[in-house]
Amino acid sequence: MSNYKPTREEALKLLKEFNKSDSLIKHALSVEAVMKHFAELFGEEDVEKWSIVGLVHDLDYEMYPEQHCVKTGEILRERNWPEDYVRAIQSHGYGICIDVEPKERMEKVLYTTDELTGLIAATALMRPSKSILDTELKSIKKKWKTKGFAAGVNRELIEGGAKMLDMELDKVIEETLKGMQKEAEAIGLKGNVDALV
């Protein structure tokens, strides 16, 4: 059993080795920010571990889209990553591309918020400011109900994840938004909120 514990620096380097797309890297940073936020919200969680799991969750997506989640397992195991990190990352593809079911709280948060970050980012970009900083829960909920908006986002999956977490959907959306707002600049969603004041 490996005692190796990856650092954020190593995780980011690995992410950039397998992903060149700016949008995929920004998505990874978004999910990292959200995972970190939820770990802090719950308390008594390993914040760095949650962050790293969020950062590399789509490690294989650009190069191996047909083997999504499966290939990540191979890549991480080759590098001696701890099995609980591997399992957590793979579980976000449950029912889509892999049969690893989210069991731990960290896994359930990743499963629930991954696609949600996409919906929130798309909502922010529709605003005049193009900023997540002035994006509100009610705007996201309005876009949630518009099925044609960010149509690729699986709303049923997010609802199912919120149930797994035993959290109200609104609360999940609100906390995901807060997590993303903390890293607005890094994820390319700071926009020009000042220009509108």
C-alpha atoms as a PDB file:
ATOM      1  CA  MET A   1       0.000   0.000   0.000  1.00  0.00           C
ATOM      2  CA  SER A   2       1.437   3.363  -1.056  1.00  0.00           C
ATOM      3  CA  ASN A   3       1.986   6.110   1.497  1.00  0.00           C
ATOM      4  CA  TYR A   4       2.280   8.624  -1.310  1.00  0.00           C
ATOM      5  CA  LYS A   5       0.086  11.685  -0.929  1.00  0.00           C
ATOM      6  CA  PRO A   6      -0.042  13.954  -3.985  1.00  0.00           C
ATOM      7  CA  THR A   7       0.451  17.691  -3.587  1.00  0.00           C
ATOM      8  CA  ARG A   8      -1.580  20.311  -5.400  1.00  0.00           C
ATOM      9  CA  GLU A   9       1.499  21.280  -7.416  1.00  0.00           C
ATOM     10  CA  GLU A  10       1.908  17.686  -8.641  1.00  0.00           C
ATOM     11  CA  ALA A  11      -1.810  17.418  -9.382  1.00  0.00           C
ATOM     12  CA  LEU A  12      -1.792  20.633 -11.438  1.00  0.00           C
ATOM     13  CA  LYS A  13       1.280  19.505 -13.370  1.00  0.00           C
ATOM     14  CA  LEU A  14      -0.399  16.182 -14.128  1.00  0.00           C
ATOM     15  CA  LEU A  15      -3.615  17.926 -15.204  1.00  0.00           C
ATOM     16  CA  LYS A  16      -1.664  20.122 -17.649  1.00  0.00           C
ATOM     17  CA  GLU A  17       0.268  17.126 -18.972  1.00  0.00           C
ATOM     18  CA  PHE A  18      -2.962  15.480 -20.123  1.00  0.00           C
ATOM     19  CA  ASN A  19      -5.091  18.578 -20.835  1.00  0.00           C
ATOM     20  CA  LYS A  20      -4.182  21.487 -23.093  1.00  0.00           C
ATOM     21  CA  SER A  21      -7.667  22.963 -23.499  1.00  0.00           C
ATOM     22  CA  ASP A  22      -8.101  26.231 -21.614  1.00  0.00           C
ATOM     23  CA  SER A  23     -11.792  25.538 -21.016  1.00  0.00           C
ATOM     24  CA  LEU A  24     -11.083  22.099 -19.507  1.00  0.00           C
ATOM     25  CA  ILE A  25      -8.411  23.553 -17.220  1.00  0.00           C
ATOM     26  CA  LYS A  26     -10.789  26.305 -16.093  1.00  0.00           C
ATOM     27  CA  HIS A  27     -13.467  23.678 -15.457  1.00  0.00           C
ATOM     28  CA  ALA A  28     -10.951  21.691 -13.368  1.00  0.00           C
ATOM     29  CA  LEU A  29     -10.115  24.831 -11.361  1.00  0.00           C
ATOM     30  CA  SER A  30     -13.839  25.504 -10.871  1.00  0.00           C
ATOM     31  CA  VAL A  31     -14.489  22.024  -9.506  1.00  0.00           C
ATOM     32  CA  GLU A  32     -11.371  22.276  -7.335  1.00  0.00           C
ATOM     33  CA  ALA A  33     -12.665  25.558  -5.836  1.00  0.00           C
ATOM     34  CA  VAL A  34     -16.080  24.026  -5.163  1.00  0.00           C
ATOM     35  CA  MET A  35     -14.626  20.884  -3.559  1.00  0.00           C
ATOM     36  CA  LYS A  36     -12.416  23.025  -1.328  1.00  0.00           C
ATOM     37  CA  HIS A  37     -15.411  25.166  -0.348  1.00  0.00           C
ATOM     38  CA  PHE A  38     -17.565  22.140   0.563  1.00  0.00           C
ATOM     39  CA  ALA A  39     -14.724  20.560   2.567  1.00  0.00           C
ATOM     40  CA  GLU A  40     -14.450  23.792   4.573  1.00  0.00           C
ATOM     41  CA  LEU A  41     -18.234  24.017   4.877  1.00  0.00           C
ATOM     42  CA  PHE A  42     -18.544  20.532   6.360  1.00  0.00           C
ATOM     43  CA  GLY A  43     -15.462  20.912   8.566  1.00  0.00           C
ATOM     44  CA  GLU A  44     -13.387  17.948   9.784  1.00  0.00           C
ATOM     45  CA  GLU A  45     -12.509  17.124   6.161  1.00  0.00           C
ATOM     46  CA  ASP A  46      -9.096  17.008   4.466  1.00  0.00           C
ATOM     47  CA  VAL A  47      -9.411  20.238   2.467  1.00  0.00           C
ATOM     48  CA  GLU A  48      -6.322  19.650   0.339  1.00  0.00           C
ATOM     49  CA  LYS A  49      -7.413  16.120  -0.541  1.00  0.00           C
ATOM     50  CA  TRP A  50     -10.875  17.328  -1.608  1.00  0.00           C
ATOM     51  CA  SER A  51      -9.269  20.117  -3.667  1.00  0.00           C
ATOM     52  CA  ILE A  52      -6.884  17.758  -5.465  1.00  0.00           C
ATOM     53  CA  VAL A  53      -9.668  15.278  -6.240  1.00  0.00           C
ATOM     54  CA  GLY A  54     -11.640  18.152  -7.788  1.00  0.00           C
ATOM     55  CA  LEU A  55      -8.638  19.405  -9.749  1.00  0.00           C
ATOM     56  CA  VAL A  56      -7.850  16.125 -11.524  1.00  0.00           C
ATOM     57  CA  HIS A  57     -11.361  14.668 -11.793  1.00  0.00           C
ATOM     58  CA  ASP A  58     -11.416  15.020 -15.614  1.00  0.00           C
ATOM     59  CA  LEU A  59      -7.760  14.086 -16.099  1.00  0.00           C
ATOM     60  CA  ASP A  60      -8.398  11.727 -19.029  1.00  0.00           C
ATOM     61  CA  TYR A  61     -11.247  13.636 -20.673  1.00  0.00           C
ATOM     62  CA  GLU A  62      -9.319  15.457 -23.407  1.00  0.00           C
ATOM     63  CA  MET A  63      -7.069  12.607 -24.537  1.00  0.00           C
ATOM     64  CA  TYR A  64      -9.280   9.588 -23.792  1.00  0.00           C
ATOM     65  CA  PRO A  65     -12.938  10.716 -23.959  1.00  0.00           C
ATOM     66  CA  GLU A  66     -14.086   7.181 -24.818  1.00  0.00           C
ATOM     67  CA  GLN A  67     -12.392   5.811 -21.691  1.00  0.00           C
ATOM     68  CA  HIS A  68     -13.372   8.644 -19.352  1.00  0.00           C
ATOM     69  CA  CYS A  69     -12.855   7.780 -15.649  1.00  0.00           C
ATOM     70  CA  VAL A  70     -11.466   4.344 -16.543  1.00  0.00           C
ATOM     71  CA  LYS A  71      -8.243   5.732 -18.046  1.00  0.00           C
ATOM     72  CA  THR A  72      -7.808   8.131 -15.111  1.00  0.00           C
ATOM     73  CA  GLY A  73      -7.684   5.103 -12.819  1.00  0.00           C
ATOM     74  CA  GLU A  74      -4.854   3.595 -14.874  1.00  0.00           C
ATOM     75  CA  ILE A  75      -2.896   6.868 -15.028  1.00  0.00           C
ATOM     76  CA  LEU A  76      -3.151   7.523 -11.288  1.00  0.00           C
ATOM     77  CA  ARG A  77      -2.426   3.963 -10.212  1.00  0.00           C
ATOM     78  CA  GLU A  78       0.715   3.955 -12.391  1.00  0.00           C
ATOM     79  CA  ARG A  79       1.816   6.985 -10.373  1.00  0.00           C
ATOM     80  CA  ASN A  80       1.013   5.342  -7.014  1.00  0.00           C
ATOM     81  CA  TRP A  81      -1.851   7.652  -6.116  1.00  0.00           C
ATOM     82  CA  PRO A  82      -3.807   6.478  -3.056  1.00  0.00           C
ATOM     83  CA  GLU A  83      -6.770   4.276  -3.899  1.00  0.00           C
ATOM     84  CA  ASP A  84      -9.286   6.520  -2.098  1.00  0.00           C
ATOM     85  CA  TYR A  85      -8.338   9.425  -4.407  1.00  0.00           C
ATOM     86  CA  VAL A  86      -8.683   7.177  -7.467  1.00  0.00           C
ATOM     87  CA  ARG A  87     -12.047   5.824  -6.337  1.00  0.00           C
ATOM     88  CA  ALA A  88     -13.417   9.283  -5.561  1.00  0.00           C
ATOM     89  CA  ILE A  89     -12.392  10.619  -8.963  1.00  0.00           C
ATOM     90  CA  GLN A  90     -13.801   7.636 -10.826  1.00  0.00           C
ATOM     91  CA  SER A  91     -17.111   7.757  -8.942  1.00  0.00           C
ATOM     92  CA  HIS A  92     -18.124  11.078 -10.542  1.00  0.00           C
ATOM     93  CA  GLY A  93     -18.797   9.125 -13.740  1.00  0.00           C
ATOM     94  CA  TYR A  94     -21.207   6.748 -11.981  1.00  0.00           C
ATOM     95  CA  GLY A  95     -24.047   5.630 -14.218  1.00  0.00           C
ATOM     96  CA  ILE A  96     -22.514   7.452 -17.206  1.00  0.00           C
ATOM     97  CA  CYS A  97     -19.204   5.776 -17.982  1.00  0.00           C
ATOM     98  CA  ILE A  98     -18.275   3.676 -14.946  1.00  0.00           C
ATOM     99  CA  ASP A  99     -20.020   1.628 -12.242  1.00  0.00           C
ATOM    100  CA  VAL A 100     -18.106   3.031  -9.243  1.00  0.00           C
ATOM    101  CA  GLU A 101     -20.871   4.356  -7.002  1.00  0.00           C
ATOM    102  CA  PRO A 102     -20.272   7.489  -4.877  1.00  0.00           C
ATOM    103  CA  LYS A 103     -20.315   6.344  -1.238  1.00  0.00           C
ATOM    104  CA  GLU A 104     -18.159   8.790   0.745  1.00  0.00           C
ATOM    105  CA  ARG A 105     -19.242  12.392   1.244  1.00  0.00           C
ATOM    106  CA  MET A 106     -16.335  13.643  -0.870  1.00  0.00           C
ATOM    107  CA  GLU A 107     -17.440  11.394  -3.739  1.00  0.00           C
ATOM    108  CA  LYS A 108     -21.041  12.546  -3.508  1.00  0.00           C
ATOM    109  CA  VAL A 109     -20.043  16.226  -3.580  1.00  0.00           C
ATOM    110  CA  LEU A 110     -17.885  15.705  -6.671  1.00  0.00           C
ATOM    111  CA  TYR A 111     -20.644  13.727  -8.392  1.00  0.00           C
ATOM    112  CA  THR A 112     -23.233  16.415  -7.637  1.00  0.00           C
ATOM    113  CA  THR A 113     -21.288  19.586  -8.349  1.00  0.00           C
ATOM    114  CA  ASP A 114     -19.226  18.635 -11.419  1.00  0.00           C
ATOM    115  CA  GLU A 115     -21.959  19.333 -13.985  1.00  0.00           C
ATOM    116  CA  LEU A 116     -23.499  22.061 -11.859  1.00  0.00           C
ATOM    117  CA  THR A 117     -20.344  24.190 -12.255  1.00  0.00           C
ATOM    118  CA  GLY A 118     -21.002  24.158 -16.011  1.00  0.00           C
ATOM    119  CA  LEU A 119     -24.542  25.455 -15.602  1.00  0.00           C
ATOM    120  CA  ILE A 120     -23.402  28.174 -13.193  1.00  0.00           C
ATOM    121  CA  ALA A 121     -20.541  29.245 -15.478  1.00  0.00           C
ATOM    122  CA  ALA A 122     -22.914  29.433 -18.451  1.00  0.00           C
ATOM    123  CA  THR A 123     -25.359  31.525 -16.388  1.00  0.00           C
ATOM    124  CA  ALA A 124     -22.581  33.937 -15.364  1.00  0.00           C
ATOM    125  CA  LEU A 125     -21.471  34.382 -18.974  1.00  0.00           C
ATOM    126  CA  MET A 126     -25.019  35.421 -19.975  1.00  0.00           C
ATOM    127  CA  ARG A 127     -24.887  38.391 -17.588  1.00  0.00           C
ATOM    128  CA  PRO A 128     -23.986  41.866 -18.903  1.00  0.00           C
ATOM    129  CA  SER A 129     -20.940  41.802 -16.607  1.00  0.00           C
ATOM    130  CA  LYS A 130     -19.927  38.276 -17.709  1.00  0.00           C
ATOM    131  CA  SER A 131     -19.084  37.848 -14.027  1.00  0.00           C
ATOM    132  CA  ILE A 132     -19.842  35.169 -11.473  1.00  0.00           C
ATOM    133  CA  LEU A 133     -19.443  37.768  -8.720  1.00  0.00           C
ATOM    134  CA  ASP A 134     -22.872  39.293  -9.356  1.00  0.00           C
ATOM    135  CA  THR A 135     -24.546  36.004 -10.339  1.00  0.00           C
ATOM    136  CA  GLU A 136     -27.344  35.054  -7.945  1.00  0.00           C
ATOM    137  CA  LEU A 137     -29.164  31.873  -7.009  1.00  0.00           C
ATOM    138  CA  LYS A 138     -32.421  33.071  -8.579  1.00  0.00           C
ATOM    139  CA  SER A 139     -30.732  33.612 -11.978  1.00  0.00           C
ATOM    140  CA  ILE A 140     -29.289  30.104 -11.886  1.00  0.00           C
ATOM    141  CA  LYS A 141     -32.653  28.607 -10.927  1.00  0.00           C
ATOM    142  CA  LYS A 142     -34.324  30.441 -13.796  1.00  0.00           C
ATOM    143  CA  LYS A 143     -31.762  29.024 -16.244  1.00  0.00           C
ATOM    144  CA  TRP A 144     -32.105  25.596 -14.619  1.00  0.00           C
ATOM    145  CA  LYS A 145     -35.781  25.525 -15.638  1.00  0.00           C
ATOM    146  CA  THR A 146     -34.953  26.497 -19.248  1.00  0.00           C
ATOM    147  CA  LYS A 147     -34.235  23.059 -20.671  1.00  0.00           C
ATOM    148  CA  GLY A 148     -32.599  24.434 -23.827  1.00  0.00           C
ATOM    149  CA  PHE A 149     -30.069  26.388 -21.758  1.00  0.00           C
ATOM    150  CA  ALA A 150     -26.809  24.491 -21.167  1.00  0.00           C
ATOM    151  CA  ALA A 151     -28.701  21.478 -22.499  1.00  0.00           C
ATOM    152  CA  GLY A 152     -25.714  19.187 -21.963  1.00  0.00           C
ATOM    153  CA  VAL A 153     -25.990  19.599 -18.189  1.00  0.00           C
ATOM    154  CA  ASN A 154     -27.723  16.571 -16.664  1.00  0.00           C
ATOM    155  CA  ARG A 155     -30.133  18.148 -14.189  1.00  0.00           C
ATOM    156  CA  GLU A 156     -31.495  14.792 -13.009  1.00  0.00           C
ATOM    157  CA  LEU A 157     -27.998  13.689 -12.058  1.00  0.00           C
ATOM    158  CA  ILE A 158     -27.507  16.872  -9.998  1.00  0.00           C
ATOM    159  CA  GLU A 159     -30.873  16.380  -8.278  1.00  0.00           C
ATOM    160  CA  GLY A 160     -29.965  12.761  -7.529  1.00  0.00           C
ATOM    161  CA  GLY A 161     -26.637  13.887  -6.103  1.00  0.00           C
ATOM    162  CA  ALA A 162     -28.308  16.449  -3.835  1.00  0.00           C
ATOM    163  CA  LYS A 163     -30.524  13.619  -2.491  1.00  0.00           C
ATOM    164  CA  MET A 164     -27.435  11.456  -1.902  1.00  0.00           C
ATOM    165  CA  LEU A 165     -25.978  14.330   0.117  1.00  0.00           C
ATOM    166  CA  ASP A 166     -29.280  14.863   1.919  1.00  0.00           C
ATOM    167  CA  MET A 167     -29.121  18.556   0.998  1.00  0.00           C
ATOM    168  CA  GLU A 168     -31.711  20.859  -0.540  1.00  0.00           C
ATOM    169  CA  LEU A 169     -30.973  21.497  -4.214  1.00  0.00           C
ATOM    170  CA  ASP A 170     -31.009  25.268  -3.623  1.00  0.00           C
ATOM    171  CA  LYS A 171     -28.389  24.884  -0.908  1.00  0.00           C
ATOM    172  CA  VAL A 172     -26.172  22.788  -3.186  1.00  0.00           C
ATOM    173  CA  ILE A 173     -26.462  25.400  -5.967  1.00  0.00           C
ATOM    174  CA  GLU A 174     -25.813  28.267  -3.552  1.00  0.00           C
ATOM    175  CA  GLU A 175     -22.698  26.675  -2.022  1.00  0.00           C
ATOM    176  CA  THR A 176     -21.353  25.644  -5.451  1.00  0.00           C
ATOM    177  CA  LEU A 177     -21.769  29.261  -6.570  1.00  0.00           C
ATOM    178  CA  LYS A 178     -19.930  30.523  -3.449  1.00  0.00           C
ATOM    179  CA  GLY A 179     -17.054  28.145  -4.085  1.00  0.00           C
ATOM    180  CA  MET A 180     -16.702  29.351  -7.675  1.00  0.00           C
ATOM    181  CA  GLN A 181     -16.959  33.001  -6.643  1.00  0.00           C
ATOM    182  CA  LYS A 182     -13.903  32.588  -4.405  1.00  0.00           C
ATOM    183  CA  GLU A 183     -11.799  31.780  -7.483  1.00  0.00           C
ATOM    184  CA  ALA A 184     -13.589  34.021  -9.997  1.00  0.00           C
ATOM    185  CA  GLU A 185     -10.371  35.288 -11.568  1.00  0.00           C
ATOM    186  CA  ALA A 186      -8.649  31.889 -11.860  1.00  0.00           C
ATOM    187  CA  ILE A 187     -11.683  30.330 -13.550  1.00  0.00           C
ATOM    188  CA  GLY A 188     -12.085  33.216 -15.999  1.00  0.00           C
ATOM    189  CA  LEU A 189     -15.390  34.471 -14.583  1.00  0.00           C
ATOM    190  CA  LYS A 190     -14.402  37.682 -12.855  1.00  0.00           C
ATOM    191  CA  GLY A 191     -15.825  39.619 -15.804  1.00  0.00           C
ATOM    192  CA  ASN A 192     -16.103  43.376 -15.497  1.00  0.00           C
ATOM    193  CA  VAL A 193     -18.503  43.767 -12.619  1.00  0.00           C
ATOM    194  CA  ASP A 194     -16.833  47.105 -11.664  1.00  0.00           C
ATOM    195  CA  ALA A 195     -17.606  48.642 -15.034  1.00  0.00           C
ATOM    196  CA  LEU A 196     -21.356  48.349 -14.342  1.00  0.00           C
ATOM    197  CA  VAL A 197     -21.347  50.153 -11.005  1.00  0.00           C
END
